[in-house]
Full PDB file with SEQRES, HELIX, SHEET, SSBOND, CRYST1, ORIGX, SCALE, CONECT and MASTER records, all heavy atoms in Angstrom:
SEQRES   1 A   40  CYS GLY THR VAL ALA ARG ALA SER LEU MET THR VAL ILE          
SEQRES   2 A   40  GLU MET ARG HIS HIS ARG ILE GLN VAL ARG ARG MET GLY          
SEQRES   3 A   40  SER ALA GLN ALA PRO VAL LEU VAL ALA ILE VAL LEU ALA          
SEQRES   4 A   40  ASN                                                          
HELIX    1 AA1 GLY A    2  HIS A   18  1                                  17    
HELIX    2 AA2 VAL A   22  ALA A   39  1                                  18    
CRYST1    1.000    1.000    1.000  90.00  90.00  90.00 P 1           1          
ORIGX1      1.000000  0.000000  0.000000        0.00000                         
ORIGX2      0.000000  1.000000  0.000000        0.00000                         
ORIGX3      0.000000  0.000000  1.000000        0.00000                         
SCALE1      1.000000  0.000000  0.000000        0.00000                         
SCALE2      0.000000  1.000000  0.000000        0.00000                         
SCALE3      0.000000  0.000000  1.000000        0.00000                         
ATOM      1  N   CYS A   1      52.132 104.098 374.061  1.00  0.00           N  
ATOM      2  CA  CYS A   1      51.180 102.983 374.136  1.00  0.00           C  
ATOM      3  C   CYS A   1      50.638 102.622 372.758  1.00  0.00           C  
ATOM      4  O   CYS A   1      50.563 101.444 372.390  1.00  0.00           O  
ATOM      5  CB  CYS A   1      50.035 103.329 375.077  1.00  0.00           C  
ATOM      6  SG  CYS A   1      50.503 103.406 376.821  1.00  0.00           S  
ATOM      7  N   GLY A   2      50.246 103.635 371.983  1.00  0.00           N  
ATOM      8  CA  GLY A   2      49.703 103.377 370.658  1.00  0.00           C  
ATOM      9  C   GLY A   2      50.727 102.771 369.720  1.00  0.00           C  
ATOM     10  O   GLY A   2      50.423 101.820 368.978  1.00  0.00           O  
ATOM     11  N   THR A   3      51.943 103.297 369.737  1.00  0.00           N  
ATOM     12  CA  THR A   3      53.000 102.803 368.849  1.00  0.00           C  
ATOM     13  C   THR A   3      53.385 101.371 369.176  1.00  0.00           C  
ATOM     14  O   THR A   3      53.505 100.522 368.292  1.00  0.00           O  
ATOM     15  CB  THR A   3      54.233 103.712 368.944  1.00  0.00           C  
ATOM     16  OG1 THR A   3      53.864 105.052 368.588  1.00  0.00           O  
ATOM     17  CG2 THR A   3      55.335 103.237 368.014  1.00  0.00           C  
ATOM     18  N   VAL A   4      53.580 101.108 370.467  1.00  0.00           N  
ATOM     19  CA  VAL A   4      53.970  99.758 370.878  1.00  0.00           C  
ATOM     20  C   VAL A   4      52.838  98.759 370.630  1.00  0.00           C  
ATOM     21  O   VAL A   4      53.084  97.621 370.213  1.00  0.00           O  
ATOM     22  CB  VAL A   4      54.390  99.758 372.358  1.00  0.00           C  
ATOM     23  CG1 VAL A   4      54.628  98.341 372.861  1.00  0.00           C  
ATOM     24  CG2 VAL A   4      55.640 100.603 372.550  1.00  0.00           C  
ATOM     25  N   ALA A   5      51.589  99.178 370.862  1.00  0.00           N  
ATOM     26  CA  ALA A   5      50.449  98.289 370.616  1.00  0.00           C  
ATOM     27  C   ALA A   5      50.378  97.900 369.141  1.00  0.00           C  
ATOM     28  O   ALA A   5      50.161  96.729 368.802  1.00  0.00           O  
ATOM     29  CB  ALA A   5      49.153  98.970 371.043  1.00  0.00           C  
ATOM     30  N   ARG A   6      50.571  98.863 368.251  1.00  0.00           N  
ATOM     31  CA  ARG A   6      50.512  98.591 366.813  1.00  0.00           C  
ATOM     32  C   ARG A   6      51.591  97.608 366.390  1.00  0.00           C  
ATOM     33  O   ARG A   6      51.320  96.618 365.693  1.00  0.00           O  
ATOM     34  CB  ARG A   6      50.652  99.901 366.048  1.00  0.00           C  
ATOM     35  CG  ARG A   6      50.646  99.767 364.530  1.00  0.00           C  
ATOM     36  CD  ARG A   6      50.696 101.154 363.889  1.00  0.00           C  
ATOM     37  NE  ARG A   6      50.791 101.074 362.453  1.00  0.00           N  
ATOM     38  CZ  ARG A   6      51.942 100.995 361.776  1.00  0.00           C  
ATOM     39  NH1 ARG A   6      53.086 100.968 362.441  1.00  0.00           N  
ATOM     40  NH2 ARG A   6      51.949 100.936 360.461  1.00  0.00           N  
ATOM     41  N   ALA A   7      52.836  97.858 366.814  1.00  0.00           N  
ATOM     42  CA  ALA A   7      53.935  96.965 366.448  1.00  0.00           C  
ATOM     43  C   ALA A   7      53.752  95.580 367.045  1.00  0.00           C  
ATOM     44  O   ALA A   7      54.018  94.562 366.392  1.00  0.00           O  
ATOM     45  CB  ALA A   7      55.264  97.574 366.900  1.00  0.00           C  
ATOM     46  N   SER A   8      53.280  95.523 368.287  1.00  0.00           N  
ATOM     47  CA  SER A   8      53.120  94.237 368.971  1.00  0.00           C  
ATOM     48  C   SER A   8      52.023  93.400 368.326  1.00  0.00           C  
ATOM     49  O   SER A   8      52.178  92.177 368.152  1.00  0.00           O  
ATOM     50  CB  SER A   8      52.808  94.461 370.448  1.00  0.00           C  
ATOM     51  OG  SER A   8      53.852  95.160 371.088  1.00  0.00           O  
ATOM     52  N   LEU A   9      50.919  94.041 367.966  1.00  0.00           N  
ATOM     53  CA  LEU A   9      49.825  93.303 367.331  1.00  0.00           C  
ATOM     54  C   LEU A   9      50.264  92.697 366.004  1.00  0.00           C  
ATOM     55  O   LEU A   9      49.974  91.528 365.713  1.00  0.00           O  
ATOM     56  CB  LEU A   9      48.620  94.230 367.124  1.00  0.00           C  
ATOM     57  CG  LEU A   9      47.790  94.557 368.367  1.00  0.00           C  
ATOM     58  CD1 LEU A   9      46.770  95.643 368.052  1.00  0.00           C  
ATOM     59  CD2 LEU A   9      47.089  93.302 368.881  1.00  0.00           C  
ATOM     60  N   MET A  10      50.958  93.478 365.187  1.00  0.00           N  
ATOM     61  CA  MET A  10      51.420  92.946 363.902  1.00  0.00           C  
ATOM     62  C   MET A  10      52.409  91.805 364.099  1.00  0.00           C  
ATOM     63  O   MET A  10      52.369  90.804 363.377  1.00  0.00           O  
ATOM     64  CB  MET A  10      52.054  94.062 363.068  1.00  0.00           C  
ATOM     65  CG  MET A  10      51.056  95.030 362.475  1.00  0.00           C  
ATOM     66  SD  MET A  10      51.777  96.156 361.263  1.00  0.00           S  
ATOM     67  CE  MET A  10      52.889  97.092 362.329  1.00  0.00           C  
ATOM     68  N   THR A  11      53.273  91.943 365.093  1.00  0.00           N  
ATOM     69  CA  THR A  11      54.246  90.889 365.354  1.00  0.00           C  
ATOM     70  C   THR A  11      53.559  89.610 365.804  1.00  0.00           C  
ATOM     71  O   THR A  11      53.902  88.513 365.337  1.00  0.00           O  
ATOM     72  CB  THR A  11      55.249  91.354 366.424  1.00  0.00           C  
ATOM     73  OG1 THR A  11      55.935  92.518 365.959  1.00  0.00           O  
ATOM     74  CG2 THR A  11      56.265  90.265 366.724  1.00  0.00           C  
ATOM     75  N   VAL A  12      52.586  89.730 366.698  1.00  0.00           N  
ATOM     76  CA  VAL A  12      51.866  88.536 367.177  1.00  0.00           C  
ATOM     77  C   VAL A  12      51.116  87.862 366.037  1.00  0.00           C  
ATOM     78  O   VAL A  12      51.109  86.624 365.916  1.00  0.00           O  
ATOM     79  CB  VAL A  12      50.904  88.929 368.316  1.00  0.00           C  
ATOM     80  CG1 VAL A  12      49.965  87.772 368.641  1.00  0.00           C  
ATOM     81  CG2 VAL A  12      51.683  89.336 369.553  1.00  0.00           C  
ATOM     82  N   ILE A  13      50.480  88.645 365.176  1.00  0.00           N  
ATOM     83  CA  ILE A  13      49.750  88.084 364.034  1.00  0.00           C  
ATOM     84  C   ILE A  13      50.688  87.283 363.134  1.00  0.00           C  
ATOM     85  O   ILE A  13      50.373  86.163 362.717  1.00  0.00           O  
ATOM     86  CB  ILE A  13      49.051  89.204 363.241  1.00  0.00           C  
ATOM     87  CG1 ILE A  13      47.896  89.773 364.053  1.00  0.00           C  
ATOM     88  CG2 ILE A  13      48.547  88.690 361.887  1.00  0.00           C  
ATOM     89  CD1 ILE A  13      47.309  91.046 363.478  1.00  0.00           C  
ATOM     90  N   GLU A  14      51.857  87.841 362.840  1.00  0.00           N  
ATOM     91  CA  GLU A  14      52.795  87.141 361.968  1.00  0.00           C  
ATOM     92  C   GLU A  14      53.456  85.963 362.672  1.00  0.00           C  
ATOM     93  O   GLU A  14      53.773  84.962 362.038  1.00  0.00           O  
ATOM     94  CB  GLU A  14      53.846  88.126 361.445  1.00  0.00           C  
ATOM     95  CG  GLU A  14      53.276  89.146 360.472  1.00  0.00           C  
ATOM     96  CD  GLU A  14      52.486  88.481 359.355  1.00  0.00           C  
ATOM     97  OE1 GLU A  14      53.099  87.892 358.456  1.00  0.00           O  
ATOM     98  OE2 GLU A  14      51.230  88.561 359.400  1.00  0.00           O  
ATOM     99  N   MET A  15      53.653  86.060 363.972  1.00  0.00           N  
ATOM    100  CA  MET A  15      54.176  84.908 364.701  1.00  0.00           C  
ATOM    101  C   MET A  15      53.207  83.734 364.616  1.00  0.00           C  
ATOM    102  O   MET A  15      53.623  82.585 364.413  1.00  0.00           O  
ATOM    103  CB  MET A  15      54.401  85.292 366.170  1.00  0.00           C  
ATOM    104  CG  MET A  15      55.614  86.151 366.425  1.00  0.00           C  
ATOM    105  SD  MET A  15      55.720  86.679 368.165  1.00  0.00           S  
ATOM    106  CE  MET A  15      55.800  85.089 369.011  1.00  0.00           C  
ATOM    107  N   ARG A  16      51.939  84.000 364.766  1.00  0.00           N  
ATOM    108  CA  ARG A  16      50.950  82.931 364.684  1.00  0.00           C  
ATOM    109  C   ARG A  16      50.880  82.358 363.272  1.00  0.00           C  
ATOM    110  O   ARG A  16      50.786  81.145 363.092  1.00  0.00           O  
ATOM    111  CB  ARG A  16      49.579  83.465 365.098  1.00  0.00           C  
ATOM    112  CG  ARG A  16      49.491  83.843 366.570  1.00  0.00           C  
ATOM    113  CD  ARG A  16      48.091  84.289 366.951  1.00  0.00           C  
ATOM    114  NE  ARG A  16      47.120  83.223 366.771  1.00  0.00           N  
ATOM    115  CZ  ARG A  16      45.819  83.338 366.963  1.00  0.00           C  
ATOM    116  NH1 ARG A  16      45.325  84.523 367.343  1.00  0.00           N  
ATOM    117  NH2 ARG A  16      45.007  82.325 366.790  1.00  0.00           N  
ATOM    118  N   HIS A  17      50.940  83.237 362.266  1.00  0.00           N  
ATOM    119  CA  HIS A  17      50.862  82.751 360.890  1.00  0.00           C  
ATOM    120  C   HIS A  17      52.070  81.883 360.544  1.00  0.00           C  
ATOM    121  O   HIS A  17      51.909  80.822 359.907  1.00  0.00           O  
ATOM    122  CB  HIS A  17      50.773  83.931 359.923  1.00  0.00           C  
ATOM    123  CG  HIS A  17      50.849  83.522 358.483  1.00  0.00           C  
ATOM    124  ND1 HIS A  17      49.786  82.945 357.815  1.00  0.00           N  
ATOM    125  CD2 HIS A  17      51.878  83.587 357.579  1.00  0.00           C  
ATOM    126  CE1 HIS A  17      50.135  82.667 356.572  1.00  0.00           C  
ATOM    127  NE2 HIS A  17      51.400  83.049 356.400  1.00  0.00           N  
ATOM    128  N   HIS A  18      53.260  82.322 360.947  1.00  0.00           N  
ATOM    129  CA  HIS A  18      54.479  81.593 360.589  1.00  0.00           C  
ATOM    130  C   HIS A  18      54.866  80.551 361.636  1.00  0.00           C  
ATOM    131  O   HIS A  18      55.900  79.902 361.486  1.00  0.00           O  
ATOM    132  CB  HIS A  18      55.634  82.579 360.410  1.00  0.00           C  
ATOM    133  CG  HIS A  18      55.464  83.513 359.255  1.00  0.00           C  
ATOM    134  ND1 HIS A  18      55.528  83.092 357.943  1.00  0.00           N  
ATOM    135  CD2 HIS A  18      55.232  84.847 359.209  1.00  0.00           C  
ATOM    136  CE1 HIS A  18      55.348  84.125 357.131  1.00  0.00           C  
ATOM    137  NE2 HIS A  18      55.158  85.201 357.876  1.00  0.00           N  
ATOM    138  N   ARG A  19      54.070  80.430 362.691  1.00  0.00           N  
ATOM    139  CA  ARG A  19      54.324  79.454 363.749  1.00  0.00           C  
ATOM    140  C   ARG A  19      55.701  79.657 364.378  1.00  0.00           C  
ATOM    141  O   ARG A  19      56.511  78.722 364.490  1.00  0.00           O  
ATOM    142  CB  ARG A  19      54.166  78.028 363.220  1.00  0.00           C  
ATOM    143  CG  ARG A  19      52.763  77.728 362.711  1.00  0.00           C  
ATOM    144  CD  ARG A  19      52.613  76.305 362.222  1.00  0.00           C  
ATOM    145  NE  ARG A  19      51.258  76.045 361.737  1.00  0.00           N  
ATOM    146  CZ  ARG A  19      50.833  74.881 361.232  1.00  0.00           C  
ATOM    147  NH1 ARG A  19      51.702  73.856 361.168  1.00  0.00           N  
ATOM    148  NH2 ARG A  19      49.599  74.724 360.821  1.00  0.00           N  
ATOM    149  N   ILE A  20      55.947  80.874 364.782  1.00  0.00           N  
ATOM    150  CA  ILE A  20      57.217  81.226 365.429  1.00  0.00           C  
ATOM    151  C   ILE A  20      57.017  81.211 366.935  1.00  0.00           C  
ATOM    152  O   ILE A  20      56.090  81.834 367.457  1.00  0.00           O  
ATOM    153  CB  ILE A  20      57.693  82.612 364.973  1.00  0.00           C  
ATOM    154  CG1 ILE A  20      57.950  82.617 363.466  1.00  0.00           C  
ATOM    155  CG2 ILE A  20      58.953  83.028 365.724  1.00  0.00           C  
ATOM    156  CD1 ILE A  20      58.302  83.985 362.907  1.00  0.00           C  
ATOM    157  N   GLN A  21      57.887  80.519 367.619  1.00  0.00           N  
ATOM    158  CA  GLN A  21      57.789  80.438 369.072  1.00  0.00           C  
ATOM    159  C   GLN A  21      58.113  81.799 369.704  1.00  0.00           C  
ATOM    160  O   GLN A  21      58.918  82.571 369.181  1.00  0.00           O  
ATOM    161  CB  GLN A  21      58.754  79.385 369.605  1.00  0.00           C  
ATOM    162  CG  GLN A  21      58.462  77.973 369.127  1.00  0.00           C  
ATOM    163  CD  GLN A  21      59.517  76.993 369.586  1.00  0.00           C  
ATOM    164  OE1 GLN A  21      60.632  77.376 369.939  1.00  0.00           O  
ATOM    165  NE2 GLN A  21      59.178  75.714 369.585  1.00  0.00           N  
ATOM    166  N   VAL A  22      57.484  82.041 370.857  1.00  0.00           N  
ATOM    167  CA  VAL A  22      57.725  83.291 371.576  1.00  0.00           C  
ATOM    168  C   VAL A  22      59.204  83.422 371.928  1.00  0.00           C  
ATOM    169  O   VAL A  22      59.788  84.515 371.838  1.00  0.00           O  
ATOM    170  CB  VAL A  22      56.861  83.350 372.847  1.00  0.00           C  
ATOM    171  CG1 VAL A  22      57.215  84.583 373.684  1.00  0.00           C  
ATOM    172  CG2 VAL A  22      55.382  83.359 372.489  1.00  0.00           C  
ATOM    173  N   ARG A  23      59.835  82.331 372.292  1.00  0.00           N  
ATOM    174  CA  ARG A  23      61.248  82.369 372.676  1.00  0.00           C  
ATOM    175  C   ARG A  23      62.115  82.840 371.513  1.00  0.00           C  
ATOM    176  O   ARG A  23      63.030  83.654 371.698  1.00  0.00           O  
ATOM    177  CB  ARG A  23      61.690  80.975 373.125  1.00  0.00           C  
ATOM    178  CG  ARG A  23      63.177  80.849 373.452  1.00  0.00           C  
ATOM    179  CD  ARG A  23      63.530  79.423 373.802  1.00  0.00           C  
ATOM    180  NE  ARG A  23      63.178  78.500 372.736  1.00  0.00           N  
ATOM    181  CZ  ARG A  23      63.938  78.281 371.649  1.00  0.00           C  
ATOM    182  NH1 ARG A  23      65.081  78.944 371.505  1.00  0.00           N  
ATOM    183  NH2 ARG A  23      63.573  77.415 370.728  1.00  0.00           N  
ATOM    184  N   ARG A  24      61.846  82.354 370.318  1.00  0.00           N  
ATOM    185  CA  ARG A  24      62.667  82.734 369.165  1.00  0.00           C  
ATOM    186  C   ARG A  24      62.465  84.197 368.787  1.00  0.00           C  
ATOM    187  O   ARG A  24      63.428  84.908 368.495  1.00  0.00           O  
ATOM    188  CB  ARG A  24      62.342  81.833 367.965  1.00  0.00           C  
ATOM    189  CG  ARG A  24      62.701  80.371 368.152  1.00  0.00           C  
ATOM    190  CD  ARG A  24      62.612  79.617 366.844  1.00  0.00           C  
ATOM    191  NE  ARG A  24      63.663  80.024 365.921  1.00  0.00           N  
ATOM    192  CZ  ARG A  24      63.708  79.648 364.645  1.00  0.00           C  
ATOM    193  NH1 ARG A  24      62.747  78.880 364.142  1.00  0.00           N  
ATOM    194  NH2 ARG A  24      64.695  80.056 363.858  1.00  0.00           N  
ATOM    195  N   MET A  25      61.225  84.652 368.790  1.00  0.00           N  
ATOM    196  CA  MET A  25      60.976  86.048 368.452  1.00  0.00           C  
ATOM    197  C   MET A  25      61.520  86.966 369.541  1.00  0.00           C  
ATOM    198  O   MET A  25      62.072  88.038 369.258  1.00  0.00           O  
ATOM    199  CB  MET A  25      59.482  86.290 368.248  1.00  0.00           C  
ATOM    200  CG  MET A  25      59.134  87.724 367.850  1.00  0.00           C  
ATOM    201  SD  MET A  25      59.968  88.276 366.325  1.00  0.00           S  
ATOM    202  CE  MET A  25      58.993  87.404 365.071  1.00  0.00           C  
ATOM    203  N   GLY A  26      61.381  86.547 370.797  1.00  0.00           N  
ATOM    204  CA  GLY A  26      61.924  87.339 371.890  1.00  0.00           C  
ATOM    205  C   GLY A  26      63.432  87.486 371.789  1.00  0.00           C  
ATOM    206  O   GLY A  26      63.980  88.569 372.033  1.00  0.00           O  
ATOM    207  N   SER A  27      64.118  86.412 371.416  1.00  0.00           N  
ATOM    208  CA  SER A  27      65.561  86.466 371.242  1.00  0.00           C  
ATOM    209  C   SER A  27      65.936  87.384 370.085  1.00  0.00           C  
ATOM    210  O   SER A  27      66.929  88.126 370.163  1.00  0.00           O  
ATOM    211  CB  SER A  27      66.102  85.058 370.985  1.00  0.00           C  
ATOM    212  OG  SER A  27      67.495  85.085 370.738  1.00  0.00           O  
ATOM    213  N   ALA A  28      65.140  87.353 369.010  1.00  0.00           N  
ATOM    214  CA  ALA A  28      65.413  88.203 367.848  1.00  0.00           C  
ATOM    215  C   ALA A  28      65.229  89.677 368.188  1.00  0.00           C  
ATOM    216  O   ALA A  28      65.980  90.542 367.719  1.00  0.00           O  
ATOM    217  CB  ALA A  28      64.513  87.810 366.685  1.00  0.00           C  
ATOM    218  N   GLN A  29      64.247  89.998 369.014  1.00  0.00           N  
ATOM    219  CA  GLN A  29      63.952  91.385 369.355  1.00  0.00           C  
ATOM    220  C   GLN A  29      64.761  91.888 370.552  1.00  0.00           C  
ATOM    221  O   GLN A  29      64.781  93.091 370.829  1.00  0.00           O  
ATOM    222  CB  GLN A  29      62.462  91.549 369.664  1.00  0.00           C  
ATOM    223  CG  GLN A  29      61.547  91.358 368.476  1.00  0.00           C  
ATOM    224  CD  GLN A  29      60.098  91.599 368.829  1.00  0.00           C  
ATOM    225  OE1 GLN A  29      59.703  91.510 369.990  1.00  0.00           O  
ATOM    226  NE2 GLN A  29      59.285  91.898 367.833  1.00  0.00           N  
ATOM    227  N   ALA A  30      65.434  90.997 371.254  1.00  0.00           N  
ATOM    228  CA  ALA A  30      66.117  91.360 372.504  1.00  0.00           C  
ATOM    229  C   ALA A  30      67.079  92.542 372.377  1.00  0.00           C  
ATOM    230  O   ALA A  30      67.126  93.391 373.277  1.00  0.00           O  
ATOM    231  CB  ALA A  30      66.843  90.139 373.070  1.00  0.00           C  
ATOM    232  N   PRO A  31      67.881  92.644 371.297  1.00  0.00           N  
ATOM    233  CA  PRO A  31      68.835  93.764 371.249  1.00  0.00           C  
ATOM    234  C   PRO A  31      68.199  95.143 371.367  1.00  0.00           C  
ATOM    235  O   PRO A  31      68.734  96.013 372.068  1.00  0.00           O  
ATOM    236  CB  PRO A  31      69.521  93.574 369.884  1.00  0.00           C  
ATOM    237  CG  PRO A  31      69.442  92.106 369.644  1.00  0.00           C  
ATOM    238  CD  PRO A  31      68.111  91.695 370.196  1.00  0.00           C  
ATOM    239  N   VAL A  32      67.073  95.363 370.717  1.00  0.00           N  
ATOM    240  CA  VAL A  32      66.466  96.692 370.804  1.00  0.00           C  
ATOM    241  C   VAL A  32      65.870  96.928 372.187  1.00  0.00           C  
ATOM    242  O   VAL A  32      65.883  98.060 372.701  1.00  0.00           O  
ATOM    243  CB  VAL A  32      65.407  96.906 369.698  1.00  0.00           C  
ATOM    244  CG1 VAL A  32      64.100  96.174 370.010  1.00  0.00           C  
ATOM    245  CG2 VAL A  32      65.131  98.389 369.500  1.00  0.00           C  
ATOM    246  N   LEU A  33      65.376  95.889 372.826  1.00  0.00           N  
ATOM    247  CA  LEU A  33      64.859  96.030 374.193  1.00  0.00           C  
ATOM    248  C   LEU A  33      65.994  96.349 375.161  1.00  0.00           C  
ATOM    249  O   LEU A  33      65.844  97.189 376.062  1.00  0.00           O  
ATOM    250  CB  LEU A  33      64.134  94.746 374.612  1.00  0.00           C  
ATOM    251  CG  LEU A  33      62.958  94.328 373.714  1.00  0.00           C  
ATOM    252  CD1 LEU A  33      62.345  93.019 374.213  1.00  0.00           C  
ATOM    253  CD2 LEU A  33      61.911  95.419 373.671  1.00  0.00           C  
ATOM    254  N   VAL A  34      67.140  95.698 374.971  1.00  0.00           N  
ATOM    255  CA  VAL A  34      68.323  96.005 375.779  1.00  0.00           C  
ATOM    256  C   VAL A  34      68.733  97.460 375.567  1.00  0.00           C  
ATOM    257  O   VAL A  34      69.049  98.188 376.525  1.00  0.00           O  
ATOM    258  CB  VAL A  34      69.481  95.055 375.404  1.00  0.00           C  
ATOM    259  CG1 VAL A  34      70.801  95.538 376.011  1.00  0.00           C  
ATOM    260  CG2 VAL A  34      69.180  93.633 375.869  1.00  0.00           C  
ATOM    261  N   ALA A  35      68.723  97.897 374.304  1.00  0.00           N  
ATOM    262  CA  ALA A  35      69.121  99.278 373.994  1.00  0.00           C  
ATOM    263  C   ALA A  35      68.187 100.291 374.641  1.00  0.00           C  
ATOM    264  O   ALA A  35      68.634 101.338 375.133  1.00  0.00           O  
ATOM    265  CB  ALA A  35      69.142  99.480 372.474  1.00  0.00           C  
ATOM    266  N   ILE A  36      66.895 100.005 374.650  1.00  0.00           N  
ATOM    267  CA  ILE A  36      65.926 100.916 375.270  1.00  0.00           C  
ATOM    268  C   ILE A  36      66.215 101.069 376.757  1.00  0.00           C  
ATOM    269  O   ILE A  36      66.235 102.188 377.298  1.00  0.00           O  
ATOM    270  CB  ILE A  36      64.493 100.408 375.031  1.00  0.00           C  
ATOM    271  CG1 ILE A  36      64.106 100.603 373.559  1.00  0.00           C  
ATOM    272  CG2 ILE A  36      63.493 101.130 375.940  1.00  0.00           C  
ATOM    273  CD1 ILE A  36      62.790  99.955 373.182  1.00  0.00           C  
ATOM    274  N   VAL A  37      66.445  99.959 377.437  1.00  0.00           N  
ATOM    275  CA  VAL A  37      66.736 100.006 378.874  1.00  0.00           C  
ATOM    276  C   VAL A  37      68.024 100.777 379.134  1.00  0.00           C  
ATOM    277  O   VAL A  37      68.081 101.655 380.010  1.00  0.00           O  
ATOM    278  CB  VAL A  37      66.836  98.582 379.445  1.00  0.00           C  
ATOM    279  CG1 VAL A  37      67.326  98.610 380.887  1.00  0.00           C  
ATOM    280  CG2 VAL A  37      65.481  97.880 379.371  1.00  0.00           C  
ATOM    281  N   LEU A  38      69.068 100.495 378.361  1.00  0.00           N  
ATOM    282  CA  LEU A  38      70.360 101.135 378.591  1.00  0.00           C  
ATOM    283  C   LEU A  38      70.313 102.629 378.291  1.00  0.00           C  
ATOM    284  O   LEU A  38      70.900 103.441 379.025  1.00  0.00           O  
ATOM    285  CB  LEU A  38      71.428 100.461 377.730  1.00  0.00           C  
ATOM    286  CG  LEU A  38      71.766  99.014 378.092  1.00  0.00           C  
ATOM    287  CD1 LEU A  38      72.770  98.442 377.114  1.00  0.00           C  
ATOM    288  CD2 LEU A  38      72.297  98.918 379.517  1.00  0.00           C  
ATOM    289  N   ALA A  39      69.641 103.008 377.209  1.00  0.00           N  
ATOM    290  CA  ALA A  39      69.554 104.426 376.861  1.00  0.00           C  
ATOM    291  C   ALA A  39      68.837 105.215 377.956  1.00  0.00           C  
ATOM    292  O   ALA A  39      69.260 106.315 378.329  1.00  0.00           O  
ATOM    293  CB  ALA A  39      68.843 104.604 375.526  1.00  0.00           C  
ATOM    294  N   ASN A  40      67.764 104.654 378.482  1.00  0.00           N  
ATOM    295  CA  ASN A  40      67.028 105.336 379.548  1.00  0.00           C  
ATOM    296  C   ASN A  40      67.820 105.385 380.841  1.00  0.00           C  
ATOM    297  O   ASN A  40      67.840 106.423 381.529  1.00  0.00           O  
ATOM    298  CB  ASN A  40      65.683 104.649 379.781  1.00  0.00           C  
ATOM    299  CG  ASN A  40      64.637 105.061 378.768  1.00  0.00           C  
ATOM    300  OD1 ASN A  40      63.958 106.073 378.924  1.00  0.00           O  
ATOM    301  ND2 ASN A  40      64.498 104.279 377.701  1.00  0.00           N  
TER     302      ASN A  40                                                      
MASTER        0    0    0    2    0    0    0    6  301    1    0    4          
END                                                                             
């Protein structure tokens, strides 16, 4: 919870600063999320 919260907060802050859409960032991060599901 602590690790994911830290990474997520920093990502959201930078998304807002750089005006990155949720869809684009989600697509960029998708491979690691897929890997987490598959590994488990």
